[in-house]
Amino acid sequence: MPGLTDDFRAAAHEWAERTADAQGLPLRVTQADVIRSVTVLLGVKPARSGAPDRSKAGGIEAVVAAPGGADNNVIEDGGDDQSLLSEL
């Protein structure tokens, strides 16, 4: 992270190792569900999602385009429509 000094990083790393060892925890977490839970608790949004679990991949629905049709008056064409340059 920007702004953290090397001394601070080293002290944090040492503290993490010491407290993990004191609690009988592994130094590194490798379980994806645990890492995901921690990121949620910290409010961090993942950069991208991982591949779905093979047992759950079959439940993904295909994306289907919406049928074409009337715009329900969402788009209005009127006499006041001008190009952007002339509106400036």
C-alpha atoms as a PDB file:
ATOM      1  CA  MET A   1       0.000   0.000   0.000  1.00  0.00           C
ATOM      2  CA  PRO A   2       1.261   3.457  -0.769  1.00  0.00           C
ATOM      3  CA  GLY A   3       2.387   5.498   2.224  1.00  0.00           C
ATOM      4  CA  LEU A   4       3.479   2.577   4.381  1.00  0.00           C
ATOM      5  CA  THR A   5       7.121   2.605   5.354  1.00  0.00           C
ATOM      6  CA  ASP A   6       9.312  -0.476   5.179  1.00  0.00           C
ATOM      7  CA  ASP A   7       9.711  -0.357   8.977  1.00  0.00           C
ATOM      8  CA  PHE A   8       5.952  -0.335   9.470  1.00  0.00           C
ATOM      9  CA  ARG A   9       5.483  -3.227   7.032  1.00  0.00           C
ATOM     10  CA  ALA A  10       8.191  -5.244   8.789  1.00  0.00           C
ATOM     11  CA  ALA A  11       6.660  -4.581  12.218  1.00  0.00           C
ATOM     12  CA  ALA A  12       3.182  -5.543  10.948  1.00  0.00           C
ATOM     13  CA  HIS A  13       4.546  -8.735   9.373  1.00  0.00           C
ATOM     14  CA  GLU A  14       6.362  -9.670  12.578  1.00  0.00           C
ATOM     15  CA  TRP A  15       3.243  -8.979  14.659  1.00  0.00           C
ATOM     16  CA  ALA A  16       1.074 -11.088  12.323  1.00  0.00           C
ATOM     17  CA  GLU A  17       3.492 -14.021  12.494  1.00  0.00           C
ATOM     18  CA  ARG A  18       3.806 -13.781  16.277  1.00  0.00           C
ATOM     19  CA  THR A  19       0.060 -13.602  16.947  1.00  0.00           C
ATOM     20  CA  ALA A  20      -0.768 -16.361  14.444  1.00  0.00           C
ATOM     21  CA  ASP A  21       1.806 -18.634  16.055  1.00  0.00           C
ATOM     22  CA  ALA A  22       0.514 -17.838  19.553  1.00  0.00           C
ATOM     23  CA  GLN A  23      -2.999 -18.843  18.471  1.00  0.00           C
ATOM     24  CA  GLY A  24      -1.910 -21.966  16.600  1.00  0.00           C
ATOM     25  CA  LEU A  25      -3.014 -20.517  13.262  1.00  0.00           C
ATOM     26  CA  PRO A  26      -1.265 -20.973   9.920  1.00  0.00           C
ATOM     27  CA  LEU A  27       0.842 -18.051   8.704  1.00  0.00           C
ATOM     28  CA  ARG A  28      -1.008 -17.895   5.400  1.00  0.00           C
ATOM     29  CA  VAL A  29      -4.683 -18.369   4.563  1.00  0.00           C
ATOM     30  CA  THR A  30      -5.258 -20.263   1.331  1.00  0.00           C
ATOM     31  CA  GLN A  31      -8.969 -21.103   1.518  1.00  0.00           C
ATOM     32  CA  ALA A  32     -10.844 -18.937  -0.976  1.00  0.00           C
ATOM     33  CA  ASP A  33     -14.031 -18.771   1.111  1.00  0.00           C
ATOM     34  CA  VAL A  34     -12.103 -17.496   4.152  1.00  0.00           C
ATOM     35  CA  ILE A  35     -10.305 -14.861   2.073  1.00  0.00           C
ATOM     36  CA  ARG A  36     -13.632 -13.797   0.534  1.00  0.00           C
ATOM     37  CA  SER A  37     -15.209 -13.465   4.005  1.00  0.00           C
ATOM     38  CA  VAL A  38     -12.332 -11.317   5.245  1.00  0.00           C
ATOM     39  CA  THR A  39     -12.562  -9.019   2.229  1.00  0.00           C
ATOM     40  CA  VAL A  40     -16.298  -8.571   2.874  1.00  0.00           C
ATOM     41  CA  LEU A  41     -15.619  -7.750   6.534  1.00  0.00           C
ATOM     42  CA  LEU A  42     -12.991  -5.197   5.500  1.00  0.00           C
ATOM     43  CA  GLY A  43     -15.246  -3.689   2.838  1.00  0.00           C
ATOM     44  CA  VAL A  44     -12.861  -4.537   0.001  1.00  0.00           C
ATOM     45  CA  LYS A  45     -14.398  -5.314  -3.371  1.00  0.00           C
ATOM     46  CA  PRO A  46     -12.562  -7.975  -5.355  1.00  0.00           C
ATOM     47  CA  ALA A  47     -11.061  -6.871  -8.656  1.00  0.00           C
ATOM     48  CA  ARG A  48     -12.762  -9.731 -10.469  1.00  0.00           C
ATOM     49  CA  SER A  49     -14.685 -12.828  -9.559  1.00  0.00           C
ATOM     50  CA  GLY A  50     -13.187 -16.268  -9.827  1.00  0.00           C
ATOM     51  CA  ALA A  51     -14.425 -19.157 -11.884  1.00  0.00           C
ATOM     52  CA  PRO A  52     -17.594 -20.815 -10.564  1.00  0.00           C
ATOM     53  CA  ASP A  53     -17.354 -24.044  -8.621  1.00  0.00           C
ATOM     54  CA  ARG A  54     -17.881 -26.888 -11.085  1.00  0.00           C
ATOM     55  CA  SER A  55     -20.806 -28.245  -9.047  1.00  0.00           C
ATOM     56  CA  LYS A  56     -22.586 -24.879  -9.299  1.00  0.00           C
ATOM     57  CA  ALA A  57     -21.681 -23.964 -12.875  1.00  0.00           C
ATOM     58  CA  GLY A  58     -24.655 -25.895 -14.271  1.00  0.00           C
ATOM     59  CA  GLY A  59     -27.092 -23.564 -12.523  1.00  0.00           C
ATOM     60  CA  ILE A  60     -25.987 -20.481 -14.442  1.00  0.00           C
ATOM     61  CA  GLU A  61     -28.692 -19.149 -16.711  1.00  0.00           C
ATOM     62  CA  ALA A  62     -27.949 -18.071 -20.247  1.00  0.00           C
ATOM     63  CA  VAL A  63     -28.249 -14.366 -21.002  1.00  0.00           C
ATOM     64  CA  VAL A  64     -31.009 -13.675 -23.474  1.00  0.00           C
ATOM     65  CA  ALA A  65     -31.424 -10.372 -25.255  1.00  0.00           C
ATOM     66  CA  ALA A  66     -34.643  -8.507 -24.516  1.00  0.00           C
ATOM     67  CA  PRO A  67     -37.164  -8.673 -27.320  1.00  0.00           C
ATOM     68  CA  GLY A  68     -37.312  -5.634 -29.578  1.00  0.00           C
ATOM     69  CA  GLY A  69     -40.415  -3.533 -29.544  1.00  0.00           C
ATOM     70  CA  ALA A  70     -41.901  -0.188 -28.707  1.00  0.00           C
ATOM     71  CA  ASP A  71     -39.850   2.206 -26.610  1.00  0.00           C
ATOM     72  CA  ASN A  72     -42.921   3.203 -24.574  1.00  0.00           C
ATOM     73  CA  ASN A  73     -42.261   6.871 -25.326  1.00  0.00           C
ATOM     74  CA  VAL A  74     -38.866   6.730 -23.643  1.00  0.00           C
ATOM     75  CA  ILE A  75     -37.251   8.307 -26.698  1.00  0.00           C
ATOM     76  CA  GLU A  76     -38.897  11.495 -27.846  1.00  0.00           C
ATOM     77  CA  ASP A  77     -38.017  13.118 -31.129  1.00  0.00           C
ATOM     78  CA  GLY A  78     -38.936  16.763 -31.125  1.00  0.00           C
ATOM     79  CA  GLY A  79     -38.191  20.101 -32.726  1.00  0.00           C
ATOM     80  CA  ASP A  80     -35.834  21.014 -29.887  1.00  0.00           C
ATOM     81  CA  ASP A  81     -33.420  18.188 -30.771  1.00  0.00           C
ATOM     82  CA  GLN A  82     -30.182  19.805 -31.876  1.00  0.00           C
ATOM     83  CA  SER A  83     -26.628  18.694 -32.266  1.00  0.00           C
ATOM     84  CA  LEU A  84     -24.383  19.069 -29.239  1.00  0.00           C
ATOM     85  CA  LEU A  85     -22.155  21.673 -30.877  1.00  0.00           C
ATOM     86  CA  SER A  86     -25.028  24.031 -31.610  1.00  0.00           C
ATOM     87  CA  GLU A  87     -26.351  23.733 -28.030  1.00  0.00           C
ATOM     88  CA  LEU A  88     -23.101  25.130 -26.579  1.00  0.00           C
END
